N, C-alpha and C. Protein backbone atom coordinates (compact mmCIF):
# COMPACT_ATOMS: atom_id res chain seq x y z
N UNK A 1 121.41 465.38 208.27
CA UNK A 1 121.03 466.10 206.93
C UNK A 1 119.80 465.44 206.50
N UNK A 2 119.87 464.12 206.69
CA UNK A 2 118.49 463.32 206.90
C UNK A 2 117.23 464.01 207.29
N UNK A 3 117.45 464.27 208.49
CA UNK A 3 116.66 464.67 209.47
C UNK A 3 115.95 466.00 209.03
N UNK A 4 117.16 466.66 208.20
CA UNK A 4 116.60 468.33 207.85
C UNK A 4 115.42 468.10 206.81
N UNK A 5 115.88 466.87 205.49
CA UNK A 5 115.36 467.06 204.55
C UNK A 5 113.89 466.16 204.96
N UNK A 6 113.61 465.50 205.83
CA UNK A 6 112.43 464.66 206.21
C UNK A 6 111.41 465.73 207.00
N UNK A 7 112.13 466.83 207.88
CA UNK A 7 111.52 467.65 208.37
C UNK A 7 110.94 468.54 207.32
N UNK A 8 111.56 469.37 206.18
CA UNK A 8 111.19 469.77 205.32
C UNK A 8 109.99 469.29 204.49
N UNK A 9 110.07 467.86 204.43
CA UNK A 9 109.17 467.20 203.46
C UNK A 9 107.87 467.15 204.31
N UNK A 10 107.92 467.01 205.70
CA UNK A 10 106.70 466.94 206.45
C UNK A 10 105.80 468.05 206.52
N UNK A 11 106.59 468.91 206.55
CA UNK A 11 106.06 470.51 206.39
C UNK A 11 105.46 470.64 205.36
N UNK A 12 105.69 470.51 204.23
CA UNK A 12 104.93 470.69 202.56
C UNK A 12 103.80 470.25 202.90
N UNK A 13 102.72 470.31 202.68
CA UNK A 13 101.15 469.70 202.50
C UNK A 13 101.04 468.60 201.24
N UNK A 14 100.32 468.03 201.03
CA UNK A 14 100.48 466.79 199.95
C UNK A 14 99.64 467.41 198.79
N UNK A 15 99.07 468.68 199.22
CA UNK A 15 98.60 469.44 197.84
C UNK A 15 99.55 470.43 197.17
N UNK A 16 100.46 470.95 198.07
CA UNK A 16 101.60 471.61 197.54
C UNK A 16 102.59 470.36 196.69
N UNK A 17 103.01 469.27 197.49
CA UNK A 17 103.55 468.38 196.50
C UNK A 17 103.28 468.16 195.20
N UNK A 18 101.61 467.61 195.18
CA UNK A 18 101.20 467.46 193.64
C UNK A 18 101.58 468.40 192.74
N UNK A 19 101.42 469.95 193.57
CA UNK A 19 101.69 471.17 192.63
C UNK A 19 103.03 471.20 191.97
N UNK A 20 103.86 470.68 192.26
CA UNK A 20 105.48 470.70 192.42
C UNK A 20 105.64 469.54 191.34
N UNK A 21 104.99 468.59 191.81
CA UNK A 21 105.06 467.59 190.64
C UNK A 21 104.54 467.49 189.14
N UNK A 22 103.03 468.53 189.34
CA UNK A 22 102.88 468.80 188.12
C UNK A 22 103.47 470.14 187.62
N UNK A 23 103.57 470.83 188.20
CA UNK A 23 104.54 471.97 187.66
C UNK A 23 105.81 471.32 186.88
N UNK A 24 106.51 470.87 187.83
CA UNK A 24 107.79 469.78 186.93
C UNK A 24 107.46 469.09 185.58
N UNK A 25 106.66 467.93 185.74
CA UNK A 25 106.09 467.52 184.80
C UNK A 25 105.96 468.27 183.41
N UNK A 26 105.60 469.43 183.61
CA UNK A 26 104.90 470.29 182.42
C UNK A 26 105.65 471.08 181.79
N UNK A 27 106.86 471.57 183.17
CA UNK A 27 108.27 472.34 182.61
C UNK A 27 108.90 471.09 181.55
N UNK A 28 108.99 469.96 182.37
CA UNK A 28 109.53 468.90 181.17
C UNK A 28 109.08 468.52 179.92
N UNK A 29 107.99 468.45 179.73
CA UNK A 29 106.88 468.37 178.38
C UNK A 29 107.29 469.90 177.33
N UNK A 30 106.97 471.12 178.35
CA UNK A 30 107.51 472.33 177.70
C UNK A 30 108.84 472.09 176.44
N UNK A 31 109.98 471.74 177.64
CA UNK A 31 111.30 471.36 177.04
C UNK A 31 111.43 470.40 176.06
N UNK A 32 110.82 469.57 176.39
CA UNK A 32 110.58 468.48 174.96
C UNK A 32 110.21 468.92 174.08
N UNK A 33 109.27 469.75 174.14
CA UNK A 33 108.11 470.41 172.91
C UNK A 33 109.12 471.19 172.15
N UNK A 34 109.67 471.93 173.10
CA UNK A 34 110.22 473.04 172.48
C UNK A 34 111.68 472.51 171.88
N UNK A 35 112.22 471.64 172.42
CA UNK A 35 113.85 471.39 171.64
C UNK A 35 113.34 470.89 169.98
N UNK A 36 112.21 470.55 169.92
CA UNK A 36 111.66 470.41 168.27
C UNK A 36 111.99 471.64 167.21
N UNK A 37 112.18 472.83 168.06
CA UNK A 37 112.20 473.88 167.23
C UNK A 37 113.67 474.25 167.01
N UNK A 38 114.41 474.18 168.04
CA UNK A 38 115.85 474.33 168.30
C UNK A 38 116.76 473.67 166.91
N UNK A 39 117.29 474.55 166.48
CA UNK A 39 118.31 474.02 165.24
C UNK A 39 119.29 473.18 165.61
N UNK A 40 119.63 472.06 165.04
CA UNK A 40 120.55 471.10 165.91
C UNK A 40 121.93 471.19 164.78
N UNK A 41 123.09 471.34 165.40
CA UNK A 41 124.21 471.37 165.03
C UNK A 41 124.49 469.90 164.51
N UNK A 42 123.71 468.98 163.42
CA UNK A 42 123.90 467.74 163.20
C UNK A 42 124.34 467.63 161.58
N UNK A 43 125.01 467.13 160.85
CA UNK A 43 125.76 467.01 159.77
C UNK A 43 125.00 466.10 159.25
N UNK A 44 123.99 465.69 159.40
CA UNK A 44 123.80 464.27 158.72
C UNK A 44 122.88 464.93 157.24
N UNK A 45 122.21 463.99 156.54
CA UNK A 45 121.86 464.42 155.19
C UNK A 45 120.45 465.05 155.25
N UNK A 46 119.65 464.74 156.30
CA UNK A 46 118.31 465.56 156.26
C UNK A 46 118.68 467.05 156.92
N UNK A 47 119.67 467.29 157.89
CA UNK A 47 119.56 468.70 158.31
C UNK A 47 120.46 469.85 157.33
N UNK A 48 120.95 468.92 156.43
CA UNK A 48 121.74 469.78 155.45
C UNK A 48 120.68 470.16 154.12
N UNK A 49 120.13 468.98 153.88
CA UNK A 49 118.83 469.32 152.89
C UNK A 49 119.77 468.99 151.87
N UNK A 50 121.10 469.01 151.69
CA UNK A 50 121.84 468.38 150.27
C UNK A 50 121.39 467.13 149.94
N UNK A 51 121.52 466.96 148.46
CA UNK A 51 121.99 465.41 147.87
C UNK A 51 122.44 464.49 148.24
N UNK A 52 122.30 463.50 148.59
CA UNK A 52 123.93 462.53 148.75
C UNK A 52 124.63 462.43 147.63
N UNK A 53 125.84 462.24 147.88
CA UNK A 53 126.88 462.27 146.67
C UNK A 53 126.71 460.82 146.37
N UNK A 54 126.27 460.62 144.87
CA UNK A 54 126.21 459.15 144.16
C UNK A 54 127.14 459.18 143.16
N UNK A 55 128.32 458.57 143.66
CA UNK A 55 129.56 458.62 142.66
C UNK A 55 129.76 457.55 142.01
N UNK A 56 128.92 457.21 140.79
CA UNK A 56 129.17 455.58 140.38
C UNK A 56 130.36 455.96 139.25
N UNK A 57 131.04 454.80 139.24
CA UNK A 57 131.92 454.92 138.25
C UNK A 57 131.84 453.87 137.41
N UNK A 58 131.85 454.09 135.96
CA UNK A 58 131.30 453.15 134.96
C UNK A 58 132.48 452.13 134.62
N UNK A 59 131.99 450.85 134.09
CA UNK A 59 133.27 449.75 133.95
C UNK A 59 133.91 450.24 132.84
N UNK A 60 133.38 451.42 131.86
CA UNK A 60 134.50 451.89 130.78
C UNK A 60 135.45 452.85 131.51
N UNK A 61 135.11 453.87 132.67
CA UNK A 61 135.86 454.39 133.08
C UNK A 61 137.05 453.58 133.78
N UNK A 62 136.63 452.68 134.56
CA UNK A 62 137.29 451.73 135.42
C UNK A 62 138.50 450.90 134.47
N UNK A 63 137.87 450.62 133.27
CA UNK A 63 138.93 450.07 132.26
C UNK A 63 139.94 450.69 131.84
N UNK A 64 139.31 451.87 131.57
CA UNK A 64 140.20 453.07 130.60
C UNK A 64 141.04 453.73 131.69
N UNK A 65 140.76 453.66 133.24
CA UNK A 65 141.89 453.95 134.01
C UNK A 65 143.11 453.18 134.48
N UNK A 66 142.72 451.71 134.19
CA UNK A 66 143.39 450.93 134.43
C UNK A 66 144.55 450.63 133.31
N UNK A 67 143.90 450.88 132.15
CA UNK A 67 144.75 450.74 131.05
C UNK A 67 145.68 452.02 130.94
N UNK A 68 145.24 452.92 131.10
CA UNK A 68 146.27 454.41 131.26
C UNK A 68 147.11 454.13 132.54
N UNK A 69 147.00 453.47 133.55
CA UNK A 69 147.87 453.64 134.76
C UNK A 69 149.10 452.47 134.18
N UNK A 70 148.19 451.01 133.50
CA UNK A 70 149.33 449.92 132.94
C UNK A 70 150.28 450.51 132.15
N UNK A 71 149.91 451.07 131.35
CA UNK A 71 150.53 451.90 130.12
C UNK A 71 151.76 452.67 130.90
N UNK A 72 151.42 453.50 132.01
CA UNK A 72 152.42 454.27 132.52
C UNK A 72 153.64 453.59 133.07
N UNK A 73 152.99 452.39 133.73
CA UNK A 73 153.98 451.52 134.31
C UNK A 73 154.69 450.84 133.15
N UNK A 74 154.16 449.98 132.58
CA UNK A 74 154.92 449.32 131.49
C UNK A 74 155.98 449.94 130.79
N UNK A 75 155.34 451.26 130.24
CA UNK A 75 156.46 451.80 129.41
C UNK A 75 157.71 452.01 129.99
N UNK A 76 157.78 451.89 131.38
CA UNK A 76 158.95 452.18 131.93
C UNK A 76 159.90 450.93 132.39
N UNK A 77 159.69 449.94 131.83
CA UNK A 77 159.87 448.66 131.64
C UNK A 77 161.27 449.03 130.80
N UNK A 78 162.44 448.39 130.96
CA UNK A 78 163.64 448.68 130.20
C UNK A 78 163.24 447.56 128.93
N UNK A 79 163.13 448.41 127.70
CA UNK A 79 163.28 447.48 126.40
C UNK A 79 161.97 447.39 126.25
N UNK A 80 160.71 448.02 126.92
CA UNK A 80 159.39 447.99 126.25
C UNK A 80 159.07 448.82 125.08
N UNK A 81 159.43 450.02 125.16
CA UNK A 81 159.39 450.94 124.20
C UNK A 81 157.88 451.47 124.71
N UNK A 82 157.07 451.81 123.60
CA UNK A 82 155.95 452.75 123.56
C UNK A 82 154.92 451.33 123.69
N UNK A 83 154.06 451.58 124.54
CA UNK A 83 152.91 450.66 124.83
C UNK A 83 151.64 451.10 124.47
N UNK A 84 150.55 450.12 124.26
CA UNK A 84 149.27 450.16 124.06
C UNK A 84 148.76 449.05 125.03
N UNK A 85 147.57 449.07 125.63
CA UNK A 85 147.13 448.09 126.38
C UNK A 85 145.82 448.45 126.07
N UNK A 86 145.16 447.12 125.81
CA UNK A 86 143.46 446.75 126.09
C UNK A 86 143.07 445.76 127.05
N UNK A 87 142.02 446.00 128.06
CA UNK A 87 141.70 445.31 128.97
C UNK A 87 140.66 445.05 128.59
N UNK A 88 139.73 443.32 128.54
CA UNK A 88 138.81 442.81 128.42
C UNK A 88 137.96 442.77 129.47
N UNK A 89 136.97 443.13 129.75
CA UNK A 89 135.96 442.64 131.27
C UNK A 89 135.11 441.85 131.22
N UNK A 90 134.88 440.99 131.98
CA UNK A 90 134.06 440.01 132.14
C UNK A 90 132.48 440.27 131.87
N UNK A 91 132.15 441.52 132.56
CA UNK A 91 130.32 442.12 132.57
C UNK A 91 130.87 443.15 132.54
N UNK A 92 129.79 444.26 132.95
CA UNK A 92 129.62 445.62 133.55
C UNK A 92 129.73 445.58 135.43
N UNK A 93 130.04 446.97 136.15
CA UNK A 93 129.78 447.34 137.00
C UNK A 93 128.55 446.92 137.83
N UNK A 94 128.58 446.47 138.89
CA UNK A 94 127.21 446.19 139.75
C UNK A 94 127.20 446.99 140.76
N UNK A 95 126.12 447.41 140.85
CA UNK A 95 125.31 448.34 141.74
C UNK A 95 124.97 447.85 143.06
N UNK A 96 125.11 447.83 144.40
CA UNK A 96 124.51 447.34 145.29
C UNK A 96 124.15 448.55 146.52
N UNK A 97 122.87 448.54 146.26
CA UNK A 97 122.09 449.57 147.00
C UNK A 97 121.43 448.97 148.57
N UNK A 98 121.80 450.32 149.54
CA UNK A 98 121.43 450.19 150.95
C UNK A 98 119.85 449.59 151.09
N UNK A 99 119.90 448.47 151.89
CA UNK A 99 118.25 448.00 151.64
C UNK A 99 118.07 447.64 153.05
N UNK A 100 116.53 447.67 153.60
CA UNK A 100 116.16 447.17 155.01
C UNK A 100 115.81 445.67 154.72
N UNK A 101 116.23 444.91 155.66
CA UNK A 101 115.64 443.38 155.50
C UNK A 101 114.71 443.06 156.53
N UNK A 102 113.82 442.59 156.58
CA UNK A 102 112.83 442.15 157.63
C UNK A 102 112.49 440.59 157.03
N UNK A 103 112.64 439.89 158.05
CA UNK A 103 112.02 438.53 157.94
C UNK A 103 111.15 438.03 158.85
N UNK A 104 110.50 437.17 158.28
CA UNK A 104 109.04 436.65 159.39
C UNK A 104 108.60 435.13 159.32
N UNK A 105 108.70 434.83 160.43
CA UNK A 105 108.14 433.26 160.22
C UNK A 105 106.38 432.94 160.73
N UNK A 106 105.71 432.50 159.84
CA UNK A 106 104.61 432.61 160.28
C UNK A 106 104.07 431.20 161.45
N UNK A 107 103.00 430.85 161.57
CA UNK A 107 102.58 429.84 162.55
C UNK A 107 102.68 428.59 162.03
N UNK A 108 102.59 428.22 160.68
CA UNK A 108 102.66 427.21 159.88
C UNK A 108 104.20 427.19 159.23
N UNK A 109 105.05 427.73 160.34
CA UNK A 109 106.51 427.37 159.72
C UNK A 109 106.89 427.99 158.27
N UNK A 110 106.08 429.03 157.83
CA UNK A 110 106.60 429.30 156.61
C UNK A 110 106.91 430.84 156.42
N UNK A 111 108.69 430.50 156.03
CA UNK A 111 109.56 431.90 156.24
C UNK A 111 109.61 432.74 155.11
N UNK A 112 109.31 434.00 155.25
CA UNK A 112 109.49 435.20 154.31
C UNK A 112 110.45 436.06 154.63
N UNK A 113 111.08 436.50 153.45
CA UNK A 113 112.17 437.88 153.31
C UNK A 113 111.75 438.69 152.73
N UNK A 114 111.58 440.13 153.40
CA UNK A 114 111.32 441.26 152.60
C UNK A 114 112.56 442.13 152.52
N UNK A 115 112.77 442.99 151.38
CA UNK A 115 113.81 443.83 150.98
C UNK A 115 113.34 445.26 150.50
N UNK A 116 113.43 446.16 151.45
CA UNK A 116 113.36 447.39 150.60
C UNK A 116 114.27 448.56 150.50
N UNK A 117 114.38 449.03 149.48
CA UNK A 117 115.62 449.92 149.43
C UNK A 117 115.74 451.25 150.30
N UNK A 118 116.64 451.75 150.70
CA UNK A 118 116.54 452.53 151.82
C UNK A 118 116.63 454.20 150.44
N UNK A 119 115.47 454.86 150.86
CA UNK A 119 115.63 456.13 149.77
C UNK A 119 115.63 457.21 150.27
N UNK A 120 116.56 458.10 150.11
CA UNK A 120 116.54 459.48 150.66
C UNK A 120 115.74 460.81 149.61
N UNK A 121 115.10 461.58 150.31
CA UNK A 121 114.67 462.70 149.76
C UNK A 121 115.58 463.62 149.64
N UNK A 122 115.80 464.40 148.71
CA UNK A 122 116.44 465.56 148.05
C UNK A 122 116.05 466.87 148.61
N UNK A 123 116.35 467.67 148.50
CA UNK A 123 115.89 468.94 148.99
C UNK A 123 114.78 469.48 147.87
N UNK A 124 114.96 469.32 146.83
CA UNK A 124 114.17 469.39 145.69
C UNK A 124 112.45 468.45 145.58
N UNK A 125 112.85 467.53 146.73
CA UNK A 125 111.69 466.63 146.76
C UNK A 125 112.00 464.74 145.98
N UNK A 126 113.07 465.08 145.38
CA UNK A 126 113.11 463.91 144.78
C UNK A 126 113.83 462.84 145.66
N UNK A 127 113.33 461.75 145.03
CA UNK A 127 114.21 460.57 146.15
C UNK A 127 114.95 459.82 145.20
N UNK A 128 115.81 459.62 145.93
CA UNK A 128 117.06 458.85 145.26
C UNK A 128 117.35 457.33 146.46
N UNK A 129 117.76 456.51 145.76
CA UNK A 129 118.43 455.19 146.58
C UNK A 129 119.39 455.45 146.82
N UNK A 130 120.24 454.65 148.31
CA UNK A 130 121.46 455.01 148.61
C UNK A 130 122.30 453.82 148.42
N UNK A 131 123.39 454.19 147.69
CA UNK A 131 124.53 453.44 147.17
C UNK A 131 125.32 453.01 148.21
N UNK A 132 124.83 451.55 148.23
CA UNK A 132 126.08 451.00 149.45
C UNK A 132 127.36 450.82 149.00
N UNK A 133 127.86 450.25 147.49
CA UNK A 133 129.06 449.77 147.15
C UNK A 133 129.02 449.57 145.99
N UNK A 134 129.81 449.79 145.04
CA UNK A 134 130.05 449.37 143.49
C UNK A 134 131.00 448.13 143.38
N UNK A 135 130.46 447.04 142.90
CA UNK A 135 131.53 446.39 142.77
C UNK A 135 131.96 446.34 141.31
N UNK A 136 133.12 446.23 141.03
CA UNK A 136 133.59 446.01 139.63
C UNK A 136 133.78 444.97 138.86
N UNK A 137 133.53 444.62 137.24
CA UNK A 137 133.74 443.64 136.87
C UNK A 137 135.05 443.04 136.78
N UNK A 138 135.07 441.59 136.44
CA UNK A 138 136.43 440.79 136.84
C UNK A 138 136.92 441.25 135.41
N UNK A 139 138.24 441.18 135.17
CA UNK A 139 139.12 441.21 133.97
C UNK A 139 139.02 439.96 133.20
N UNK A 140 138.75 439.95 132.22
CA UNK A 140 138.46 439.12 130.99
C UNK A 140 140.40 438.42 130.65
N UNK A 141 140.75 439.60 130.27
CA UNK A 141 142.30 439.47 129.39
C UNK A 141 142.69 440.93 129.33
N UNK A 142 144.27 440.69 129.13
CA UNK A 142 144.60 442.13 128.83
C UNK A 142 145.73 442.06 127.61
N UNK A 143 145.52 442.76 127.04
CA UNK A 143 146.48 442.73 125.81
C UNK A 143 147.68 443.57 125.73
N UNK A 144 148.97 443.48 125.35
CA UNK A 144 149.87 444.69 125.63
C UNK A 144 150.52 444.46 124.43
N UNK A 145 150.61 445.42 123.57
CA UNK A 145 151.17 445.97 122.15
C UNK A 145 152.40 446.47 122.57
N UNK A 146 153.64 446.47 122.58
CA UNK A 146 154.63 447.14 122.68
C UNK A 146 155.79 446.92 121.78
N UNK A 147 156.97 447.96 121.38
CA UNK A 147 157.89 447.57 120.45
C UNK A 147 158.95 446.48 121.13
N UNK A 148 159.08 446.24 122.35
CA UNK A 148 160.06 445.09 123.13
C UNK A 148 159.18 443.77 122.98
N UNK A 149 157.86 443.62 122.29
CA UNK A 149 157.32 442.54 122.54
C UNK A 149 157.80 441.17 121.82
N UNK A 150 158.55 441.49 120.97
CA UNK A 150 159.15 440.31 120.25
C UNK A 150 160.20 439.69 121.13
N UNK A 151 160.57 440.19 122.27
CA UNK A 151 161.67 439.37 123.17
C UNK A 151 160.99 438.79 123.83
N UNK A 152 161.21 437.60 124.09
CA UNK A 152 161.04 436.67 125.19
C UNK A 152 161.10 437.34 126.77
N UNK A 153 162.25 438.03 127.18
CA UNK A 153 162.46 438.44 128.36
C UNK A 153 161.69 439.66 128.93
N UNK A 154 161.52 440.47 127.81
CA UNK A 154 160.68 441.34 128.06
C UNK A 154 159.22 441.25 128.17
N UNK A 155 158.55 440.04 127.39
CA UNK A 155 157.47 439.67 127.47
C UNK A 155 157.22 439.41 128.65
N UNK A 156 158.17 438.32 129.53
CA UNK A 156 158.26 437.71 130.64
C UNK A 156 157.70 438.85 131.67
N UNK A 157 158.71 439.64 131.40
CA UNK A 157 158.77 440.79 132.47
C UNK A 157 157.25 441.31 132.68
N UNK A 158 156.74 441.98 131.57
CA UNK A 158 155.63 442.81 131.21
C UNK A 158 154.53 441.58 131.64
N UNK A 159 154.26 440.49 131.39
CA UNK A 159 153.64 439.92 131.75
C UNK A 159 153.24 439.64 133.13
N UNK A 160 154.40 439.36 133.95
CA UNK A 160 155.00 439.38 135.09
C UNK A 160 154.19 440.67 135.97
N UNK A 161 154.56 441.48 135.62
CA UNK A 161 154.26 443.34 135.89
C UNK A 161 152.59 443.11 135.83
N UNK A 162 151.83 442.57 134.79
CA UNK A 162 150.85 443.01 134.62
C UNK A 162 149.80 442.01 135.25
N UNK A 163 150.25 440.80 135.58
CA UNK A 163 149.21 439.87 136.22
C UNK A 163 149.61 440.44 137.77
N UNK A 164 150.77 440.83 138.31
CA UNK A 164 151.03 441.12 139.64
C UNK A 164 150.19 442.50 140.01
N UNK A 165 150.09 443.16 139.13
CA UNK A 165 149.51 444.53 139.11
C UNK A 165 147.85 444.50 139.51
N UNK A 166 147.46 443.66 138.37
CA UNK A 166 145.93 443.54 138.45
C UNK A 166 145.39 442.59 138.97
N UNK A 167 146.20 441.41 139.71
CA UNK A 167 145.90 440.29 140.49
C UNK A 167 145.04 439.33 139.85
N UNK A 168 145.79 438.81 138.56
CA UNK A 168 145.28 438.12 137.69
C UNK A 168 146.23 436.79 137.07
N UNK A 169 145.54 435.77 136.53
CA UNK A 169 146.68 434.44 136.23
C UNK A 169 147.52 435.01 135.03
N UNK A 170 148.57 434.29 134.88
CA UNK A 170 149.72 434.94 133.62
C UNK A 170 148.84 434.56 132.27
N UNK A 171 148.29 433.55 132.31
CA UNK A 171 147.28 433.16 131.32
C UNK A 171 146.65 434.26 130.70
N UNK A 172 145.84 435.19 131.24
CA UNK A 172 145.14 436.05 131.08
C UNK A 172 145.59 437.33 130.44
N UNK A 173 147.16 437.38 130.47
CA UNK A 173 147.92 438.13 130.01
C UNK A 173 148.57 438.16 128.39
N UNK A 174 148.51 438.60 127.42
CA UNK A 174 149.13 438.57 125.91
C UNK A 174 150.27 439.69 125.63
N UNK A 175 151.41 439.44 125.34
CA UNK A 175 152.23 440.38 125.15
C UNK A 175 152.98 440.07 123.58
N UNK A 176 152.48 441.05 122.66
CA UNK A 176 152.85 441.14 121.16
C UNK A 176 153.68 442.16 121.03
N UNK A 177 154.15 442.04 119.63
CA UNK A 177 155.29 443.81 119.07
C UNK A 177 154.35 444.56 118.52
């Protein structure tokens, strides 16, 4: 087999070999060039042209959702009766955006960092930063007003339930009638 291939290569002139290489290279370049015009089945942001979903959840929404869920749970505790809950927050929600970070050190050992936010262009040409995550505020305290709040047993059950559900210290929970 090897002898056959060397025999064929010997019969082809050097000029023909150059032509084959040039034609193959030109075909390769043409395919690369044409591939830029073919549609890709890629579901990335740029191929769809849709704006990225930027769901932001305000601290007020977060607080109201927690209050509603807790009211539903606490009202099921035997003896609690009707329940109203107020949650106070330490601060507001914090949005953390995606950023490209570059670091450099100069010849005189000066270190510098630079952050640039990642920006996506929408179909309409608008620019939008990419929300990486959203950090909800810490809970400062919880006030539970319920019909059974005058009973020490019910207060203890509610305090334990609220502290456990929210992952906060029992001292941050106040239960009253």
